[in-house]
Amino acid sequence: MSEQASFALRGRNPDVLTCIANLSNDEVFTPPEFANRMLDTLTEAWAVDNGGANLWADKTVKFLDPCTKSGVFLREITSRLTRGLAGEFPNLEERVNHILTKQVFGIGITQLTSLLARRSVYCSKHANGEHSIATSFDSEGGNIWFERTEHVWVGEKCTHCGTSKKTLDRGEGFETHAYAFIHSDDIKTRVTELFGGNMQFDVIIGNPPYQLTTDGFGTQARPIYHQFVQQAKALDPRFLCMIIPARWFAGGMGLDEFRESMLSDDRLRSIYDYLTASDVFPGVGLKGGVCYFLWSNDNPGPCRVTSHFKDWPVSTATRPLLEEGADIFIRFNEGLSILKKVVAVETGSDKCLELPETKKFMNLVSSIGAFGLESTFRGKEKKSENDLKVHRNGGVGYVARSEIKKERAIFDKWKIFIGRAAPGTGNKDTYPHKIISTPFIGEPGSISSWTYMYIGPFNSKKQAESALSYLSCRLTRLLILLHKPSQDTTRKVYTFVPAQKWNKHWTDEDLYEKYGISETEIAFIEKVVRPMDLSTASGDD
């Protein structure tokens, strides 16, 4: 083996994988430092499950990255094995050949990334090339497989990933983004076809593509990362470790079944939650943050949840993933303790997080588009005193009462209007933030377009102002955040918010006293939730 090849395994300084640009917010390259953080987690778990054994000194362990892009996971695994197996294989060339031909496997997601991954792992885009550090491969691909895969169209949708034919059926000159790992009905058979028989992987690790654009309204996109997780589990590895968007905790298109399966799986042993994606992927805008998890097939038990955000103290707790009465994962450890205090006051017990029907604030919250007017509605000039004032995107318009058929009983009641999407800073999460858009009072004779939802109805302006003051409280908005996976503030995000008596002006001090919130918990709330200035609220903006 050449000295150059030997150097490539040891030193990589400067490391090109620290400075390559991401393909998009959907296909994100994992920084080497973070890949090694995940591998450290795997190392610790392997030692716990195997009597203190060193994972990297085991010549029989097989690793698979089923969605390799830069090849960083496979490269770092190879580097660790090269050090760990020095006693087993004193000859460096023999050692590296064993690792690359018997232990390290990958599936490229595109032709470009498969070449990049081979260059990272084999030091050559051809595994059998003259510059490759492996000398035993017959094929150019080696153990990093890629071939163009086609979608299976039934009508206008792919039966595997659900993307639209209109969007991705683009001909031979373009990538199909039909990722091989999730375009198979029998993944065990498919892996055997790719790599040969007796291919039982001990460890599956990676950073899958996150979503594919659909032909839905606006810029709607369909999550696909959960399909990689499900296919990986179907291969029955001993360990599975992936980094994925954290939005699955509480929402996401088509993720209900995935969320239920994950939160009820006692083999999910660790979740490392990063509130801001840019803390992991610098420069990447990914609303809702990211997480990586460790799944241990042979060692079920409770899950350790660790929350990270910038320079805040790291929070770790071992707790159930699915609390009784909740249908989502509550990502903040501190938030869970606060929620239990609120529920205990309202119900007399913190064992079940479901509020009684009569105490649910969400019962006051309308559905999206309650009055049947689209977000593009502009309205007309006011022609009659009987016309309805419509709060719409960018201002107000008017419409004849006779034209609105929905929610007619609400027309002449007091209500609160609130934007269906919370304001944001692009695609990035910053804390503290408002959680919801600034709500405002809707007088009798007013309705809204799709842009706003309404809360109510209330019999008087005083009641509406009381509820408005409650929404401005930081504690109220923290409870909303616990069920809010994205910018959308649908009715469901108010699940954990209790209703109050609408006979006073509510303040956080009132709520902290009512629910017994500690000074430490108050400090946490104020780190996460920004004060809200109701004087800026206006439906005319």
Protein backbone atom coordinates (compact mmCIF):
# COMPACT_ATOMS: atom_id res chain seq x y z
CA MET A 1 0.00 0.00 0.00
CA SER A 2 1.33 3.44 -0.89
CA GLU A 3 2.31 6.01 1.70
CA GLN A 4 -0.33 8.31 0.25
CA ALA A 5 -3.08 5.79 0.88
CA SER A 6 -1.84 5.24 4.41
CA PHE A 7 -1.92 8.99 5.04
CA ALA A 8 -5.50 9.15 3.80
CA LEU A 9 -6.55 6.80 6.57
CA ARG A 10 -4.76 8.70 9.30
CA GLY A 11 -4.64 12.42 8.89
CA ARG A 12 -7.22 14.18 6.56
CA ASN A 13 -6.26 17.77 7.27
CA PRO A 14 -7.77 19.86 5.88
CA ASP A 15 -10.91 17.73 5.62
CA VAL A 16 -12.86 18.46 2.43
CA LEU A 17 -16.05 17.07 3.98
CA THR A 18 -16.17 19.99 6.43
CA CYS A 19 -16.57 22.54 3.66
CA ILE A 20 -18.65 21.06 0.84
CA ALA A 21 -21.99 22.75 0.17
CA ASN A 22 -25.24 20.96 0.92
CA LEU A 23 -27.31 19.72 -1.98
CA SER A 24 -30.46 21.27 -0.46
CA ASN A 25 -32.31 21.42 2.84
CA ASP A 26 -33.69 17.98 1.95
CA GLU A 27 -30.38 16.21 1.27
CA VAL A 28 -27.98 17.52 3.89
CA PHE A 29 -24.34 16.48 4.28
CA THR A 30 -23.43 15.43 7.82
CA PRO A 31 -20.43 17.29 9.28
CA PRO A 32 -17.62 14.88 10.26
CA GLU A 33 -17.65 16.13 13.85
CA PHE A 34 -21.32 15.30 14.21
CA ALA A 35 -20.97 11.93 12.49
CA ASN A 36 -18.35 11.08 15.10
CA ARG A 37 -20.67 12.20 17.88
CA MET A 38 -23.21 9.66 16.63
CA LEU A 39 -20.51 6.99 16.40
CA ASP A 40 -19.46 7.76 19.99
CA THR A 41 -23.05 7.13 21.09
CA LEU A 42 -22.99 3.83 19.23
CA THR A 43 -19.64 2.90 20.80
CA GLU A 44 -21.00 3.41 24.31
CA ALA A 45 -24.17 1.44 23.61
CA TRP A 46 -22.24 -1.47 22.08
CA ALA A 47 -20.00 -1.67 25.15
CA VAL A 48 -23.03 -1.65 27.48
CA ASP A 49 -24.74 -4.44 25.54
CA ASN A 50 -21.58 -6.52 25.06
CA GLY A 51 -19.87 -6.60 28.44
CA GLY A 52 -17.61 -3.62 27.75
CA ALA A 53 -16.40 -4.91 24.36
CA ASN A 54 -14.83 -2.49 21.90
CA LEU A 55 -17.00 -2.25 18.78
CA TRP A 56 -14.03 -1.18 16.68
CA ALA A 57 -11.95 -4.23 17.57
CA ASP A 58 -14.53 -6.68 16.22
CA LYS A 59 -13.72 -7.96 12.74
CA THR A 60 -17.16 -9.56 12.27
CA VAL A 61 -19.38 -6.50 12.65
CA LYS A 62 -21.07 -5.29 9.45
CA PHE A 63 -22.08 -1.64 8.93
CA LEU A 64 -24.53 -0.19 6.41
CA ASP A 65 -25.25 3.41 5.46
CA PRO A 66 -28.38 3.01 3.29
CA CYS A 67 -28.44 6.66 2.21
CA THR A 68 -24.81 7.65 1.83
CA LYS A 69 -24.06 11.08 0.39
CA SER A 70 -20.59 12.32 1.27
CA GLY A 71 -19.54 8.93 2.66
CA VAL A 72 -18.65 10.50 6.00
CA PHE A 73 -20.15 7.73 8.16
CA LEU A 74 -18.43 4.98 6.19
CA ARG A 75 -15.17 6.88 6.18
CA GLU A 76 -15.17 7.47 9.93
CA ILE A 77 -16.21 3.86 10.59
CA THR A 78 -13.32 2.68 8.40
CA SER A 79 -10.92 4.95 10.25
CA ARG A 80 -12.02 3.63 13.66
CA LEU A 81 -11.85 0.01 12.53
CA THR A 82 -8.40 0.60 11.08
CA ARG A 83 -7.17 1.62 14.51
CA GLY A 84 -9.19 -0.94 16.46
CA LEU A 85 -8.18 -3.97 14.38
CA ALA A 86 -4.46 -3.26 14.37
CA GLY A 87 -3.87 -6.15 16.77
CA GLU A 88 -6.00 -8.55 14.72
CA PHE A 89 -4.41 -7.56 11.39
CA PRO A 90 -0.89 -6.13 11.90
CA ASN A 91 -0.47 -5.66 8.14
CA LEU A 92 -2.19 -2.39 7.18
CA GLU A 93 -3.07 -3.44 3.63
CA GLU A 94 -4.63 -6.70 4.80
CA ARG A 95 -6.50 -4.85 7.54
CA VAL A 96 -7.95 -2.21 5.21
CA ASN A 97 -8.94 -4.80 2.61
CA HIS A 98 -10.79 -6.80 5.24
CA ILE A 99 -12.63 -3.74 6.54
CA LEU A 100 -13.66 -2.43 3.14
CA THR A 101 -14.65 -5.76 1.62
CA LYS A 102 -16.22 -7.48 4.65
CA GLN A 103 -17.46 -4.81 7.05
CA VAL A 104 -18.38 -1.47 5.44
CA PHE A 105 -21.29 -1.11 3.00
CA GLY A 106 -23.27 1.78 1.56
CA ILE A 107 -26.09 2.63 -0.84
CA GLY A 108 -25.68 5.90 -2.72
CA ILE A 109 -28.69 8.16 -3.12
CA THR A 110 -27.58 9.69 -6.43
CA GLN A 111 -24.85 9.02 -8.97
CA LEU A 112 -22.97 12.13 -7.85
CA THR A 113 -23.04 11.25 -4.16
CA SER A 114 -22.05 7.63 -4.83
CA LEU A 115 -18.90 8.88 -6.56
CA LEU A 116 -18.24 11.29 -3.71
CA ALA A 117 -18.73 8.53 -1.14
CA ARG A 118 -16.33 6.18 -2.95
CA ARG A 119 -13.77 8.96 -3.13
CA SER A 120 -14.14 9.53 0.62
CA VAL A 121 -13.91 5.84 1.56
CA TYR A 122 -11.70 4.26 -1.11
CA CYS A 123 -9.73 7.43 -1.96
CA SER A 124 -10.85 6.83 -5.54
CA LYS A 125 -14.15 7.14 -7.37
CA HIS A 126 -13.50 3.62 -8.63
CA ALA A 127 -13.17 1.00 -5.89
CA ASN A 128 -10.96 -1.12 -8.16
CA GLY A 129 -8.99 1.82 -9.53
CA GLU A 130 -5.22 2.22 -9.31
CA HIS A 131 -5.53 4.85 -6.58
CA SER A 132 -7.99 2.89 -4.43
CA ILE A 133 -6.79 1.88 -0.98
CA ALA A 134 -8.72 -1.38 -1.44
CA THR A 135 -7.02 -3.96 -3.65
CA SER A 136 -9.58 -6.79 -3.69
CA PHE A 137 -12.61 -5.34 -5.51
CA ASP A 138 -13.54 -6.50 -9.00
CA SER A 139 -16.14 -3.80 -9.58
CA GLU A 140 -15.88 0.00 -9.75
CA GLY A 141 -18.61 0.36 -7.15
CA GLY A 142 -17.07 -1.86 -4.51
CA ASN A 143 -19.41 -2.05 -1.54
CA ILE A 144 -20.93 1.39 -2.19
CA TRP A 145 -23.76 0.55 -4.54
CA PHE A 146 -25.63 2.82 -6.88
CA GLU A 147 -27.73 2.22 -9.94
CA ARG A 148 -30.46 4.39 -11.35
CA THR A 149 -33.77 3.36 -9.80
CA GLU A 150 -37.14 4.25 -11.27
CA HIS A 151 -40.34 5.23 -9.50
CA VAL A 152 -43.30 2.88 -9.79
CA TRP A 153 -46.10 5.07 -11.07
CA VAL A 154 -49.69 4.14 -10.40
CA GLY A 155 -51.76 6.95 -11.78
CA GLU A 156 -49.94 10.16 -10.90
CA LYS A 157 -48.16 8.92 -7.75
CA CYS A 158 -45.24 6.61 -6.96
CA THR A 159 -46.45 3.64 -4.93
CA HIS A 160 -43.30 3.68 -2.77
CA CYS A 161 -42.56 7.33 -1.93
CA GLY A 162 -45.81 9.03 -2.93
CA THR A 163 -44.20 11.74 -5.03
CA SER A 164 -45.92 13.01 -8.14
CA LYS A 165 -45.23 11.78 -11.62
CA LYS A 166 -45.53 15.34 -12.89
CA THR A 167 -42.67 16.47 -10.64
CA LEU A 168 -40.09 13.68 -10.98
CA ASP A 169 -40.83 11.79 -14.20
CA ARG A 170 -38.30 13.94 -16.05
CA GLY A 171 -36.42 11.61 -18.38
CA GLU A 172 -32.95 10.09 -18.53
CA GLY A 173 -31.05 13.35 -18.20
CA PHE A 174 -32.14 13.99 -14.61
CA GLU A 175 -31.87 12.21 -11.28
CA THR A 176 -35.03 10.31 -10.43
CA HIS A 177 -34.65 10.66 -6.64
CA ALA A 178 -36.17 7.18 -6.49
CA TYR A 179 -34.00 6.09 -3.59
CA ALA A 180 -33.30 2.38 -3.85
CA PHE A 181 -33.58 1.63 -0.13
CA ILE A 182 -37.21 2.73 0.06
CA HIS A 183 -38.28 1.61 -3.42
CA SER A 184 -38.60 -2.04 -2.51
CA ASP A 185 -41.40 -4.16 -1.11
CA ASP A 186 -38.95 -6.69 0.36
CA ILE A 187 -35.84 -4.94 1.62
CA LYS A 188 -34.11 -8.13 2.82
CA THR A 189 -34.31 -9.66 -0.63
CA ARG A 190 -33.25 -6.39 -2.21
CA VAL A 191 -30.14 -6.10 -0.02
CA THR A 192 -29.22 -9.69 -0.88
CA GLU A 193 -29.45 -8.75 -4.56
CA LEU A 194 -27.18 -5.75 -4.01
CA PHE A 195 -24.47 -7.26 -1.82
CA GLY A 196 -24.88 -11.04 -2.00
CA GLY A 197 -26.10 -13.62 0.50
CA ASN A 198 -25.57 -13.80 4.27
CA MET A 199 -25.79 -10.02 4.55
CA GLN A 200 -26.97 -9.46 8.12
CA PHE A 201 -26.01 -5.96 9.21
CA ASP A 202 -25.17 -5.36 12.84
CA VAL A 203 -25.28 -1.56 12.58
CA ILE A 204 -27.27 0.67 10.25
CA ILE A 205 -26.41 4.36 10.45
CA GLY A 206 -27.05 7.40 8.28
CA ASN A 207 -28.69 10.70 7.46
CA PRO A 208 -31.53 10.01 5.01
CA PRO A 209 -33.09 12.45 2.53
CA TYR A 210 -35.83 14.32 4.36
CA GLN A 211 -38.61 14.98 1.87
CA LEU A 212 -39.74 15.07 -1.75
CA THR A 213 -41.77 17.85 -3.32
CA THR A 214 -45.32 16.92 -4.24
CA ASP A 215 -47.75 18.63 -6.57
CA GLY A 216 -49.82 19.79 -3.62
CA PHE A 217 -50.81 23.33 -2.74
CA GLY A 218 -47.98 25.87 -2.48
CA THR A 219 -44.58 24.40 -1.64
CA GLN A 220 -45.91 21.31 0.04
CA ALA A 221 -43.44 18.46 0.43
CA ARG A 222 -43.87 14.86 1.52
CA PRO A 223 -41.61 13.51 4.30
CA ILE A 224 -39.71 10.36 3.33
CA TYR A 225 -37.11 10.03 6.11
CA HIS A 226 -39.45 7.80 8.13
CA GLN A 227 -39.46 5.27 5.27
CA PHE A 228 -35.69 4.86 5.63
CA VAL A 229 -36.14 4.23 9.36
CA GLN A 230 -38.87 1.66 8.75
CA GLN A 231 -36.89 -0.17 6.07
CA ALA A 232 -33.81 -0.21 8.31
CA LYS A 233 -35.80 -1.78 11.15
CA ALA A 234 -37.07 -4.42 8.72
CA LEU A 235 -33.46 -5.56 8.22
CA ASP A 236 -33.26 -6.51 11.94
CA PRO A 237 -29.94 -4.85 12.76
CA ARG A 238 -28.62 -4.93 16.29
CA PHE A 239 -28.34 -1.13 16.30
CA LEU A 240 -29.93 1.62 14.25
CA CYS A 241 -28.80 5.24 14.48
CA MET A 242 -30.13 8.00 12.20
CA ILE A 243 -30.39 11.76 12.21
CA ILE A 244 -33.76 13.05 11.01
CA PRO A 245 -35.98 16.15 11.35
CA ALA A 246 -37.61 16.40 14.78
CA ARG A 247 -40.98 17.38 13.32
CA TRP A 248 -42.18 13.78 13.64
CA PHE A 249 -42.44 14.31 17.42
CA ALA A 250 -45.79 16.03 16.98
CA GLY A 251 -46.75 16.45 13.32
CA GLY A 252 -45.80 16.00 9.69
CA MET A 253 -47.70 14.85 6.61
CA GLY A 254 -48.40 11.12 6.77
CA LEU A 255 -46.33 10.61 9.93
CA ASP A 256 -49.05 9.60 12.40
CA GLU A 257 -48.42 5.86 12.02
CA PHE A 258 -44.65 6.34 12.15
CA ARG A 259 -44.90 8.48 15.27
CA GLU A 260 -47.08 5.91 17.01
CA SER A 261 -44.71 3.07 16.10
CA MET A 262 -41.64 4.96 17.31
CA LEU A 263 -43.14 6.18 20.57
CA SER A 264 -44.46 2.73 21.45
CA ASP A 265 -41.14 0.98 20.63
CA ASP A 266 -39.17 0.23 23.81
CA ARG A 267 -36.07 -0.47 21.68
CA LEU A 268 -35.73 3.27 21.10
CA ARG A 269 -33.14 3.85 23.82
CA SER A 270 -31.84 7.38 23.23
CA ILE A 271 -33.04 10.56 21.54
CA TYR A 272 -30.68 13.51 21.15
CA ASP A 273 -32.83 16.53 20.33
CA TYR A 274 -31.42 19.73 18.77
CA LEU A 275 -33.92 22.58 18.86
CA THR A 276 -32.16 24.44 16.05
CA ALA A 277 -31.00 22.53 12.97
CA SER A 278 -28.22 25.03 12.30
CA ASP A 279 -26.53 23.87 15.51
CA VAL A 280 -25.92 20.57 13.69
CA PHE A 281 -25.93 21.65 10.04
CA PRO A 282 -24.45 25.18 9.86
CA GLY A 283 -26.32 27.38 7.43
CA VAL A 284 -29.22 24.96 6.95
CA GLY A 285 -32.76 26.23 7.43
CA LEU A 286 -34.92 23.38 8.74
CA LYS A 287 -37.88 24.44 10.85
CA GLY A 288 -38.49 22.39 13.98
CA GLY A 289 -34.93 21.24 14.61
CA VAL A 290 -33.40 17.79 14.20
CA CYS A 291 -32.73 14.75 16.32
CA TYR A 292 -30.72 11.59 16.17
CA PHE A 293 -31.78 8.41 17.87
CA LEU A 294 -30.28 5.11 18.92
CA TRP A 295 -32.40 1.99 18.54
CA SER A 296 -31.19 -1.23 20.17
CA ASN A 297 -32.87 -4.40 18.93
CA ASP A 298 -31.53 -6.67 21.68
CA ASN A 299 -31.82 -4.37 24.68
CA PRO A 300 -35.28 -2.84 25.17
CA GLY A 301 -35.91 -0.43 28.01
CA PRO A 302 -36.65 3.20 28.87
CA CYS A 303 -35.45 6.03 26.65
CA ARG A 304 -32.94 8.70 27.59
CA VAL A 305 -33.94 12.08 26.17
CA THR A 306 -31.26 14.76 25.82
CA SER A 307 -32.09 18.31 24.68
CA HIS A 308 -29.51 20.65 23.15
CA PHE A 309 -29.78 24.34 22.32
CA LYS A 310 -26.77 26.58 21.73
CA ASP A 311 -25.10 27.42 25.05
CA TRP A 312 -27.97 26.37 27.29
CA PRO A 313 -27.21 23.62 29.82
CA VAL A 314 -27.85 20.20 28.29
CA SER A 315 -31.01 18.63 29.72
CA THR A 316 -31.21 14.84 30.10
CA ALA A 317 -34.03 12.70 31.49
CA THR A 318 -35.05 9.06 31.25
CA ARG A 319 -38.79 8.95 30.72
CA PRO A 320 -41.62 7.37 28.74
CA LEU A 321 -41.77 8.52 25.14
CA LEU A 322 -45.53 8.54 25.12
CA GLU A 323 -47.14 9.93 28.25
CA GLU A 324 -50.64 8.73 29.11
CA GLY A 325 -53.20 11.05 27.56
CA ALA A 326 -50.76 12.43 24.97
CA ASP A 327 -50.57 11.48 21.30
CA ILE A 328 -47.21 13.14 20.66
CA PHE A 329 -43.69 13.19 22.07
CA ILE A 330 -43.15 16.14 24.41
CA ARG A 331 -39.67 17.26 23.46
CA PHE A 332 -38.76 19.57 26.35
CA ASN A 333 -37.90 17.75 29.58
CA GLU A 334 -38.60 20.92 31.54
CA GLY A 335 -41.80 21.48 29.57
CA LEU A 336 -43.11 18.09 30.61
CA SER A 337 -42.77 18.87 34.30
CA ILE A 338 -44.56 22.21 33.78
CA LEU A 339 -47.35 20.53 31.83
CA LYS A 340 -47.86 17.96 34.57
CA LYS A 341 -48.27 20.75 37.12
CA VAL A 342 -50.91 22.44 34.96
CA VAL A 343 -52.80 19.19 34.41
CA ALA A 344 -52.64 18.32 38.12
CA VAL A 345 -54.34 21.60 39.06
CA GLU A 346 -57.01 21.17 36.40
CA THR A 347 -57.73 17.46 36.98
CA GLY A 348 -56.34 16.59 40.40
CA SER A 349 -53.74 14.20 38.92
CA ASP A 350 -50.67 14.36 36.65
CA LYS A 351 -50.87 10.70 35.65
CA CYS A 352 -52.86 11.41 32.50
CA LEU A 353 -52.17 14.52 30.43
CA GLU A 354 -55.57 14.72 28.78
CA LEU A 355 -57.68 17.65 29.96
CA PRO A 356 -61.40 17.17 30.60
CA GLU A 357 -63.55 18.17 27.64
CA THR A 358 -65.03 21.11 29.55
CA LYS A 359 -61.58 22.52 30.27
CA LYS A 360 -60.09 22.39 26.77
CA PHE A 361 -59.23 25.77 25.30
CA MET A 362 -59.03 24.11 21.87
CA ASN A 363 -62.82 23.83 21.87
CA LEU A 364 -62.89 27.60 21.35
CA VAL A 365 -60.54 27.41 18.35
CA SER A 366 -61.99 27.20 14.85
CA SER A 367 -60.87 25.00 12.01
CA ILE A 368 -58.75 26.48 9.21
CA GLY A 369 -60.80 28.42 6.68
CA ALA A 370 -63.84 28.37 8.93
CA PHE A 371 -65.80 30.93 6.88
CA GLY A 372 -65.00 29.35 3.52
CA LEU A 373 -62.91 32.23 2.11
CA GLU A 374 -59.58 31.43 0.46
CA SER A 375 -56.32 33.17 1.43
CA THR A 376 -56.45 34.99 -1.94
CA PHE A 377 -59.76 36.68 -1.06
CA ARG A 378 -59.56 40.46 -1.43
CA GLY A 379 -63.18 41.59 -0.87
CA LYS A 380 -64.89 44.76 -2.03
CA GLU A 381 -65.62 48.25 -0.82
CA LYS A 382 -68.19 48.52 1.93
CA LYS A 383 -71.59 49.10 0.30
CA SER A 384 -73.98 48.41 3.15
CA GLU A 385 -73.94 48.67 6.93
CA ASN A 386 -74.91 45.00 6.88
CA ASP A 387 -71.77 43.93 4.98
CA LEU A 388 -69.28 41.77 6.88
CA LYS A 389 -65.77 43.06 7.50
CA VAL A 390 -63.26 40.44 6.40
CA HIS A 391 -59.79 40.32 7.94
CA ARG A 392 -57.61 39.01 5.13
CA ASN A 393 -53.99 38.75 4.12
CA GLY A 394 -52.65 42.29 3.92
CA GLY A 395 -55.65 44.20 5.22
CA VAL A 396 -59.43 44.09 5.22
CA GLY A 397 -62.22 43.81 2.68
CA TYR A 398 -65.97 43.50 2.80
CA VAL A 399 -68.48 40.91 1.66
CA ALA A 400 -72.26 40.67 1.67
CA ARG A 401 -73.62 38.51 4.49
CA SER A 402 -75.65 36.49 2.04
CA GLU A 403 -72.48 35.25 0.34
CA ILE A 404 -71.12 33.53 3.47
CA LYS A 405 -72.84 30.26 4.29
CA LYS A 406 -70.57 28.97 7.07
CA GLU A 407 -70.43 29.87 10.77
CA ARG A 408 -73.36 32.27 10.48
CA ALA A 409 -73.99 32.13 14.24
CA ILE A 410 -70.55 33.67 14.79
CA PHE A 411 -71.04 36.77 12.65
CA ASP A 412 -72.30 39.05 15.41
CA LYS A 413 -70.29 37.67 18.31
CA TRP A 414 -67.02 38.90 19.76
CA LYS A 415 -64.06 36.76 18.81
CA ILE A 416 -60.27 36.70 18.56
CA PHE A 417 -58.50 36.32 15.22
CA ILE A 418 -55.09 34.67 15.01
CA GLY A 419 -52.88 33.83 12.03
CA ARG A 420 -52.91 30.17 11.01
CA ALA A 421 -49.13 30.34 10.54
CA ALA A 422 -46.80 31.71 13.18
CA PRO A 423 -44.27 34.37 12.14
CA GLY A 424 -40.78 33.06 11.65
CA THR A 425 -37.24 33.99 10.76
CA GLY A 426 -37.08 32.25 7.42
CA ASN A 427 -36.70 28.53 7.96
CA LYS A 428 -34.64 28.90 11.12
CA ASP A 429 -35.68 28.43 14.74
CA THR A 430 -34.65 31.19 17.12
CA TYR A 431 -35.41 31.36 20.83
CA PRO A 432 -37.04 33.02 22.56
CA HIS A 433 -39.84 33.52 20.02
CA LYS A 434 -43.54 34.31 20.07
CA ILE A 435 -44.77 30.78 19.19
CA ILE A 436 -47.98 32.24 17.68
CA SER A 437 -48.78 35.31 15.60
CA THR A 438 -50.11 38.29 17.54
CA PRO A 439 -53.87 37.79 18.05
CA PHE A 440 -56.37 40.61 17.89
CA ILE A 441 -60.01 41.28 18.78
CA GLY A 442 -62.69 40.74 16.17
CA GLU A 443 -65.78 42.84 16.76
CA PRO A 444 -69.35 41.77 15.91
CA GLY A 445 -69.86 41.89 12.16
CA SER A 446 -66.34 40.68 11.36
CA ILE A 447 -65.07 37.41 9.89
CA SER A 448 -61.81 36.30 8.25
CA SER A 449 -60.30 34.65 5.20
CA TRP A 450 -58.20 31.47 5.26
CA THR A 451 -55.29 33.55 6.58
CA TYR A 452 -56.81 33.67 10.07
CA MET A 453 -58.56 31.31 12.46
CA TYR A 454 -60.97 32.57 15.06
CA ILE A 455 -61.18 31.86 18.80
CA GLY A 456 -64.55 32.19 20.51
CA PRO A 457 -67.32 33.15 20.36
CA PHE A 458 -67.55 35.49 23.34
CA ASN A 459 -70.64 37.29 24.55
CA SER A 460 -68.84 40.53 25.41
CA LYS A 461 -65.76 42.53 24.57
CA LYS A 462 -64.59 42.08 28.17
CA GLN A 463 -64.57 38.28 27.79
CA ALA A 464 -62.69 38.51 24.48
CA GLU A 465 -60.10 40.83 26.04
CA SER A 466 -59.66 38.42 28.93
CA ALA A 467 -58.96 35.53 26.54
CA LEU A 468 -56.65 37.77 24.52
CA SER A 469 -54.60 38.58 27.63
CA TYR A 470 -54.39 34.83 28.35
CA LEU A 471 -52.95 34.12 24.88
CA SER A 472 -50.31 36.77 25.43
CA CYS A 473 -49.00 34.99 28.55
CA ARG A 474 -45.73 33.14 28.14
CA LEU A 475 -46.95 30.04 29.99
CA THR A 476 -49.95 29.73 27.67
CA ARG A 477 -47.73 29.91 24.64
CA LEU A 478 -45.28 27.38 26.08
CA LEU A 479 -48.18 24.92 26.39
CA ILE A 480 -48.97 25.61 22.72
CA LEU A 481 -45.32 25.01 21.78
CA LEU A 482 -45.36 21.56 23.41
CA HIS A 483 -47.82 20.41 20.72
CA LYS A 484 -46.57 22.57 17.84
CA PRO A 485 -44.26 20.84 15.33
CA SER A 486 -43.98 23.63 12.75
CA GLN A 487 -45.10 27.14 11.85
CA ASP A 488 -48.69 25.99 11.46
CA THR A 489 -50.87 26.77 14.46
CA THR A 490 -53.85 24.57 13.79
CA ARG A 491 -56.55 23.86 16.33
CA LYS A 492 -54.67 20.80 17.54
CA VAL A 493 -51.68 22.75 18.89
CA TYR A 494 -53.93 24.02 21.71
CA THR A 495 -54.41 20.46 23.05
CA PHE A 496 -52.53 21.09 26.31
CA VAL A 497 -53.96 24.57 26.96
CA PRO A 498 -56.66 24.69 29.67
CA ALA A 499 -59.55 27.13 29.41
CA GLN A 500 -59.89 29.80 32.11
CA LYS A 501 -62.67 32.01 33.41
CA TRP A 502 -62.91 35.03 31.13
CA ASN A 503 -63.61 37.59 33.82
CA LYS A 504 -60.20 39.20 34.38
CA HIS A 505 -57.01 40.33 32.72
CA TRP A 506 -54.59 37.38 32.88
CA THR A 507 -50.88 37.75 33.56
CA ASP A 508 -48.05 35.24 33.80
CA GLU A 509 -47.80 36.01 37.50
CA ASP A 510 -51.41 34.87 37.89
CA LEU A 511 -50.71 31.63 36.02
CA TYR A 512 -47.40 30.93 37.77
CA GLU A 513 -49.14 31.25 41.13
CA LYS A 514 -52.18 29.18 40.08
CA TYR A 515 -50.07 26.27 38.81
CA GLY A 516 -47.17 26.42 41.27
CA ILE A 517 -44.49 27.12 38.66
CA SER A 518 -41.03 27.25 40.25
CA GLU A 519 -38.38 29.90 39.70
CA THR A 520 -36.30 27.45 37.70
CA GLU A 521 -39.29 26.63 35.49
CA ILE A 522 -40.05 30.33 35.04
CA ALA A 523 -36.48 30.87 33.88
CA PHE A 524 -36.91 28.08 31.33
CA ILE A 525 -40.19 29.55 30.05
CA GLU A 526 -38.58 32.94 29.61
CA LYS A 527 -35.68 31.41 27.67
CA VAL A 528 -38.09 29.83 25.20
CA VAL A 529 -41.01 32.26 24.92
CA ARG A 530 -40.68 35.93 24.02
CA PRO A 531 -42.94 38.59 25.57
CA MET A 532 -45.88 39.60 23.38
CA ASP A 533 -46.86 43.23 22.82
CA LEU A 534 -50.59 43.29 22.12
CA SER A 535 -50.46 46.96 21.17
CA THR A 536 -49.08 45.88 17.78
CA ALA A 537 -52.04 43.59 17.09
CA SER A 538 -54.14 44.59 14.12
CA GLY A 539 -56.09 42.78 11.47
CA ASP A 540 -55.34 45.61 9.07
CA ASP A 541 -51.59 44.89 8.88
